[in-house]
Amino acid sequence: MDNHQLALDSAFHALADPTRRAVVGRLVRGPAAVTELASPFAMALPSFMKHLRVLEKDGLIRSEKIGRIRTCRIDAERLAAAESWLSEQREIWRSRADRLADFAETQMPEEQ
């Protein structure tokens, strides 16, 4: 399997969970401390950190620790790769739908 496919598999694996999608959605607006990211979720910090490790392992976020504060930020390149694949799929299905509509219009008798 090529690296591009593995990167997509990793990205979609990470985004399969609603908590991780919410974290990515927050980080799209800018970097944030782990405590800020964890605050909306009703889970213990160790459980939340597991989600961050998945996102980091799969390459969607990066984190750095300065002093006692760990800050996370989005890895836009990996996210862009997933968005690019989705755009390609969207265009394929849009084209198929257009061809189906054209076929239906040519095959159906016109209403009088």
N, C-alpha and C. Protein backbone atom coordinates (compact mmCIF):
# COMPACT_ATOMS: atom_id res chain seq x y z
N MET A 1 0.85 -1.17 0.00
CA MET A 1 0.00 0.00 0.00
C MET A 1 0.90 1.24 0.00
N ASP A 2 0.58 2.23 -0.80
CA ASP A 2 1.45 3.41 -0.89
C ASP A 2 1.24 4.35 0.31
N ASN A 3 2.18 5.28 0.48
CA ASN A 3 2.13 6.19 1.63
C ASN A 3 0.90 7.07 1.63
N HIS A 4 0.45 7.49 0.43
CA HIS A 4 -0.74 8.34 0.35
C HIS A 4 -1.96 7.60 0.91
N GLN A 5 -2.10 6.33 0.53
CA GLN A 5 -3.24 5.54 1.01
C GLN A 5 -3.15 5.33 2.52
N LEU A 6 -1.95 5.05 3.02
CA LEU A 6 -1.79 4.88 4.47
C LEU A 6 -2.12 6.16 5.22
N ALA A 7 -1.72 7.30 4.66
CA ALA A 7 -2.02 8.59 5.29
C ALA A 7 -3.52 8.82 5.35
N LEU A 8 -4.23 8.49 4.26
CA LEU A 8 -5.69 8.64 4.26
C LEU A 8 -6.34 7.71 5.27
N ASP A 9 -5.88 6.46 5.30
CA ASP A 9 -6.44 5.50 6.27
C ASP A 9 -6.27 6.02 7.69
N SER A 10 -5.09 6.54 7.99
CA SER A 10 -4.82 7.08 9.33
C SER A 10 -5.71 8.27 9.64
N ALA A 11 -5.84 9.17 8.68
CA ALA A 11 -6.65 10.37 8.90
C ALA A 11 -8.11 10.00 9.15
N PHE A 12 -8.66 9.11 8.34
CA PHE A 12 -10.07 8.75 8.52
C PHE A 12 -10.28 7.92 9.79
N HIS A 13 -9.29 7.13 10.17
CA HIS A 13 -9.38 6.41 11.44
C HIS A 13 -9.48 7.41 12.59
N ALA A 14 -8.63 8.41 12.57
CA ALA A 14 -8.63 9.41 13.64
C ALA A 14 -9.94 10.19 13.66
N LEU A 15 -10.49 10.49 12.50
CA LEU A 15 -11.71 11.30 12.41
C LEU A 15 -12.99 10.49 12.61
N ALA A 16 -12.85 9.18 12.81
CA ALA A 16 -14.03 8.33 12.99
C ALA A 16 -14.73 8.57 14.32
N ASP A 17 -14.04 9.17 15.27
CA ASP A 17 -14.60 9.37 16.60
C ASP A 17 -15.11 10.81 16.76
N PRO A 18 -16.31 11.01 17.30
CA PRO A 18 -16.87 12.37 17.43
C PRO A 18 -16.05 13.30 18.34
N THR A 19 -15.44 12.75 19.37
CA THR A 19 -14.60 13.58 20.24
C THR A 19 -13.40 14.10 19.47
N ARG A 20 -12.77 13.24 18.70
CA ARG A 20 -11.59 13.66 17.93
C ARG A 20 -11.98 14.64 16.83
N ARG A 21 -13.16 14.44 16.22
CA ARG A 21 -13.60 15.42 15.21
C ARG A 21 -13.83 16.78 15.84
N ALA A 22 -14.38 16.79 17.05
CA ALA A 22 -14.61 18.06 17.75
C ALA A 22 -13.28 18.74 18.08
N VAL A 23 -12.30 17.98 18.47
CA VAL A 23 -10.97 18.54 18.76
C VAL A 23 -10.38 19.15 17.50
N VAL A 24 -10.45 18.43 16.39
CA VAL A 24 -9.93 18.95 15.13
C VAL A 24 -10.69 20.22 14.75
N GLY A 25 -12.00 20.20 14.91
CA GLY A 25 -12.81 21.39 14.60
C GLY A 25 -12.38 22.59 15.42
N ARG A 26 -12.06 22.36 16.69
CA ARG A 26 -11.59 23.47 17.53
C ARG A 26 -10.20 23.94 17.10
N LEU A 27 -9.31 23.00 16.78
CA LEU A 27 -7.94 23.37 16.42
C LEU A 27 -7.83 24.04 15.05
N VAL A 28 -8.84 23.89 14.22
CA VAL A 28 -8.84 24.58 12.92
C VAL A 28 -8.83 26.10 13.16
N ARG A 29 -9.40 26.54 14.27
CA ARG A 29 -9.44 27.97 14.61
C ARG A 29 -8.12 28.47 15.19
N GLY A 30 -7.24 27.55 15.61
CA GLY A 30 -5.95 27.96 16.16
C GLY A 30 -5.50 27.02 17.25
N PRO A 31 -4.23 27.13 17.65
CA PRO A 31 -3.68 26.27 18.69
C PRO A 31 -4.42 26.43 20.02
N ALA A 32 -4.38 25.38 20.84
CA ALA A 32 -5.05 25.43 22.14
C ALA A 32 -4.33 24.51 23.12
N ALA A 33 -4.40 24.88 24.38
CA ALA A 33 -3.85 24.04 25.45
C ALA A 33 -4.74 22.82 25.64
N VAL A 34 -4.13 21.75 26.12
CA VAL A 34 -4.88 20.51 26.34
C VAL A 34 -6.05 20.74 27.29
N THR A 35 -5.86 21.52 28.35
CA THR A 35 -6.95 21.75 29.30
C THR A 35 -8.13 22.47 28.63
N GLU A 36 -7.83 23.38 27.71
CA GLU A 36 -8.90 24.07 26.98
C GLU A 36 -9.63 23.10 26.07
N LEU A 37 -8.87 22.23 25.40
CA LEU A 37 -9.48 21.26 24.50
C LEU A 37 -10.35 20.26 25.26
N ALA A 38 -9.91 19.88 26.45
CA ALA A 38 -10.62 18.86 27.23
C ALA A 38 -11.86 19.39 27.94
N SER A 39 -11.92 20.69 28.18
CA SER A 39 -13.00 21.24 29.02
C SER A 39 -14.42 20.93 28.54
N PRO A 40 -14.72 20.89 27.23
CA PRO A 40 -16.12 20.61 26.84
C PRO A 40 -16.55 19.15 27.01
N PHE A 41 -15.62 18.26 27.33
CA PHE A 41 -15.94 16.83 27.35
C PHE A 41 -16.05 16.30 28.77
N ALA A 42 -17.07 15.51 29.00
CA ALA A 42 -17.30 14.91 30.32
C ALA A 42 -16.52 13.61 30.44
N MET A 43 -15.20 13.74 30.48
CA MET A 43 -14.35 12.57 30.66
C MET A 43 -13.10 12.97 31.43
N ALA A 44 -12.49 11.99 32.04
CA ALA A 44 -11.26 12.25 32.78
C ALA A 44 -10.15 12.63 31.82
N LEU A 45 -9.21 13.43 32.28
CA LEU A 45 -8.11 13.89 31.43
C LEU A 45 -7.31 12.73 30.83
N PRO A 46 -7.02 11.65 31.57
CA PRO A 46 -6.30 10.53 30.94
C PRO A 46 -7.06 9.93 29.75
N SER A 47 -8.38 9.85 29.85
CA SER A 47 -9.18 9.35 28.74
C SER A 47 -9.13 10.30 27.56
N PHE A 48 -9.19 11.59 27.83
CA PHE A 48 -9.11 12.58 26.76
C PHE A 48 -7.74 12.54 26.08
N MET A 49 -6.70 12.33 26.87
CA MET A 49 -5.35 12.28 26.31
C MET A 49 -5.20 11.13 25.32
N LYS A 50 -5.95 10.06 25.51
CA LYS A 50 -5.91 8.95 24.55
C LYS A 50 -6.38 9.43 23.18
N HIS A 51 -7.40 10.28 23.16
CA HIS A 51 -7.88 10.83 21.89
C HIS A 51 -6.81 11.69 21.23
N LEU A 52 -6.14 12.50 22.04
CA LEU A 52 -5.08 13.34 21.48
C LEU A 52 -3.93 12.50 20.94
N ARG A 53 -3.61 11.41 21.63
CA ARG A 53 -2.53 10.54 21.13
C ARG A 53 -2.89 9.92 19.78
N VAL A 54 -4.16 9.54 19.61
CA VAL A 54 -4.59 9.00 18.32
C VAL A 54 -4.44 10.06 17.23
N LEU A 55 -4.91 11.27 17.51
CA LEU A 55 -4.80 12.35 16.53
C LEU A 55 -3.35 12.66 16.19
N GLU A 56 -2.50 12.62 17.19
CA GLU A 56 -1.09 12.91 16.97
C GLU A 56 -0.41 11.77 16.22
N LYS A 57 -0.69 10.53 16.62
CA LYS A 57 -0.10 9.37 15.95
C LYS A 57 -0.51 9.32 14.48
N ASP A 58 -1.76 9.67 14.21
CA ASP A 58 -2.26 9.64 12.83
C ASP A 58 -1.92 10.90 12.05
N GLY A 59 -1.20 11.81 12.67
CA GLY A 59 -0.64 12.96 11.96
C GLY A 59 -1.56 14.15 11.77
N LEU A 60 -2.71 14.17 12.44
CA LEU A 60 -3.62 15.30 12.25
C LEU A 60 -3.29 16.49 13.14
N ILE A 61 -2.65 16.22 14.27
CA ILE A 61 -2.26 17.32 15.15
C ILE A 61 -0.80 17.13 15.58
N ARG A 62 -0.22 18.21 16.05
CA ARG A 62 1.10 18.19 16.67
C ARG A 62 0.97 18.87 18.03
N SER A 63 1.80 18.46 18.96
CA SER A 63 1.76 19.12 20.26
C SER A 63 3.17 19.41 20.73
N GLU A 64 3.26 20.41 21.60
CA GLU A 64 4.54 20.74 22.20
C GLU A 64 4.28 21.16 23.63
N LYS A 65 5.25 20.84 24.47
CA LYS A 65 5.11 21.17 25.88
C LYS A 65 6.12 22.27 26.21
N ILE A 66 5.59 23.35 26.74
CA ILE A 66 6.43 24.45 27.20
C ILE A 66 6.09 24.64 28.68
N GLY A 67 7.05 24.35 29.52
CA GLY A 67 6.79 24.39 30.95
C GLY A 67 5.81 23.30 31.32
N ARG A 68 4.72 23.69 31.93
CA ARG A 68 3.70 22.71 32.33
C ARG A 68 2.51 22.68 31.37
N ILE A 69 2.58 23.44 30.30
CA ILE A 69 1.43 23.54 29.37
C ILE A 69 1.75 22.84 28.07
N ARG A 70 0.89 21.90 27.71
CA ARG A 70 0.99 21.22 26.42
C ARG A 70 -0.01 21.87 25.48
N THR A 71 0.50 22.36 24.35
CA THR A 71 -0.33 23.05 23.35
C THR A 71 -0.40 22.20 22.09
N CYS A 72 -1.61 22.10 21.54
CA CYS A 72 -1.83 21.32 20.32
C CYS A 72 -2.15 22.26 19.18
N ARG A 73 -1.77 21.84 17.98
CA ARG A 73 -2.11 22.59 16.77
C ARG A 73 -2.38 21.59 15.65
N ILE A 74 -3.15 22.04 14.71
CA ILE A 74 -3.55 21.19 13.58
C ILE A 74 -2.37 21.02 12.63
N ASP A 75 -2.29 19.87 12.00
CA ASP A 75 -1.33 19.66 10.91
C ASP A 75 -2.12 19.80 9.62
N ALA A 76 -2.08 20.99 9.06
CA ALA A 76 -2.94 21.33 7.92
C ALA A 76 -2.65 20.46 6.70
N GLU A 77 -1.43 20.01 6.53
CA GLU A 77 -1.08 19.21 5.36
C GLU A 77 -1.83 17.88 5.35
N ARG A 78 -1.86 17.21 6.50
CA ARG A 78 -2.55 15.91 6.57
C ARG A 78 -4.06 16.10 6.40
N LEU A 79 -4.60 17.15 7.00
CA LEU A 79 -6.02 17.43 6.88
C LEU A 79 -6.36 17.79 5.43
N ALA A 80 -5.49 18.52 4.77
CA ALA A 80 -5.71 18.89 3.36
C ALA A 80 -5.71 17.66 2.46
N ALA A 81 -4.89 16.67 2.79
CA ALA A 81 -4.87 15.44 1.98
C ALA A 81 -6.20 14.71 2.07
N ALA A 82 -6.78 14.66 3.26
CA ALA A 82 -8.08 14.01 3.42
C ALA A 82 -9.16 14.81 2.70
N GLU A 83 -9.12 16.13 2.80
CA GLU A 83 -10.11 16.98 2.12
C GLU A 83 -9.99 16.84 0.61
N SER A 84 -8.77 16.74 0.11
CA SER A 84 -8.55 16.57 -1.33
C SER A 84 -9.19 15.26 -1.81
N TRP A 85 -9.00 14.19 -1.06
CA TRP A 85 -9.59 12.91 -1.45
C TRP A 85 -11.11 13.01 -1.45
N LEU A 86 -11.67 13.65 -0.43
CA LEU A 86 -13.12 13.82 -0.38
C LEU A 86 -13.63 14.65 -1.56
N SER A 87 -12.90 15.66 -1.94
CA SER A 87 -13.30 16.49 -3.10
C SER A 87 -13.30 15.68 -4.38
N GLU A 88 -12.29 14.82 -4.54
CA GLU A 88 -12.26 13.95 -5.72
C GLU A 88 -13.47 13.04 -5.75
N GLN A 89 -13.82 12.46 -4.61
CA GLN A 89 -14.97 11.56 -4.54
C GLN A 89 -16.27 12.32 -4.83
N ARG A 90 -16.37 13.52 -4.28
CA ARG A 90 -17.56 14.35 -4.50
C ARG A 90 -17.73 14.63 -6.00
N GLU A 91 -16.64 14.94 -6.68
CA GLU A 91 -16.70 15.24 -8.12
C GLU A 91 -17.09 14.00 -8.93
N ILE A 92 -16.58 12.85 -8.55
CA ILE A 92 -16.96 11.60 -9.23
C ILE A 92 -18.46 11.37 -9.11
N TRP A 93 -19.00 11.52 -7.90
CA TRP A 93 -20.43 11.28 -7.70
C TRP A 93 -21.29 12.35 -8.34
N ARG A 94 -20.80 13.59 -8.35
CA ARG A 94 -21.55 14.66 -9.03
C ARG A 94 -21.64 14.35 -10.53
N SER A 95 -20.55 13.90 -11.11
CA SER A 95 -20.54 13.55 -12.53
C SER A 95 -21.50 12.39 -12.82
N ARG A 96 -21.48 11.40 -11.95
CA ARG A 96 -22.40 10.26 -12.12
C ARG A 96 -23.85 10.70 -12.02
N ALA A 97 -24.15 11.57 -11.09
CA ALA A 97 -25.52 12.05 -10.92
C ALA A 97 -25.95 12.86 -12.15
N ASP A 98 -25.03 13.66 -12.70
CA ASP A 98 -25.35 14.44 -13.90
C ASP A 98 -25.63 13.51 -15.08
N ARG A 99 -24.82 12.46 -15.22
CA ARG A 99 -25.06 11.51 -16.32
C ARG A 99 -26.38 10.79 -16.15
N LEU A 100 -26.73 10.44 -14.92
CA LEU A 100 -28.01 9.79 -14.65
C LEU A 100 -29.16 10.72 -14.99
N ALA A 101 -29.03 11.98 -14.62
CA ALA A 101 -30.09 12.95 -14.93
C ALA A 101 -30.24 13.11 -16.44
N ASP A 102 -29.12 13.19 -17.16
CA ASP A 102 -29.17 13.29 -18.62
C ASP A 102 -29.85 12.06 -19.22
N PHE A 103 -29.50 10.89 -18.73
CA PHE A 103 -30.10 9.65 -19.22
C PHE A 103 -31.60 9.65 -18.97
N ALA A 104 -32.00 10.02 -17.75
CA ALA A 104 -33.41 10.03 -17.41
C ALA A 104 -34.19 11.01 -18.29
N GLU A 105 -33.61 12.16 -18.57
CA GLU A 105 -34.28 13.15 -19.40
C GLU A 105 -34.46 12.67 -20.84
N THR A 106 -33.49 11.93 -21.36
CA THR A 106 -33.60 11.46 -22.74
C THR A 106 -34.50 10.24 -22.87
N GLN A 107 -34.66 9.48 -21.79
CA GLN A 107 -35.44 8.24 -21.84
C GLN A 107 -36.90 8.43 -21.45
N MET A 108 -37.21 9.47 -20.72
CA MET A 108 -38.58 9.67 -20.27
C MET A 108 -39.33 10.46 -21.33
N PRO A 109 -40.58 10.03 -21.63
CA PRO A 109 -41.37 10.80 -22.60
C PRO A 109 -41.72 12.17 -22.02
N GLU A 110 -41.69 13.14 -22.89
CA GLU A 110 -42.03 14.49 -22.44
C GLU A 110 -43.49 14.56 -22.07
N GLU A 111 -43.78 15.30 -20.98
CA GLU A 111 -45.17 15.48 -20.56
C GLU A 111 -45.83 16.50 -21.46
N GLN A 112 -47.05 16.25 -21.79
CA GLN A 112 -47.79 17.13 -22.69
C GLN A 112 -48.46 18.23 -21.95
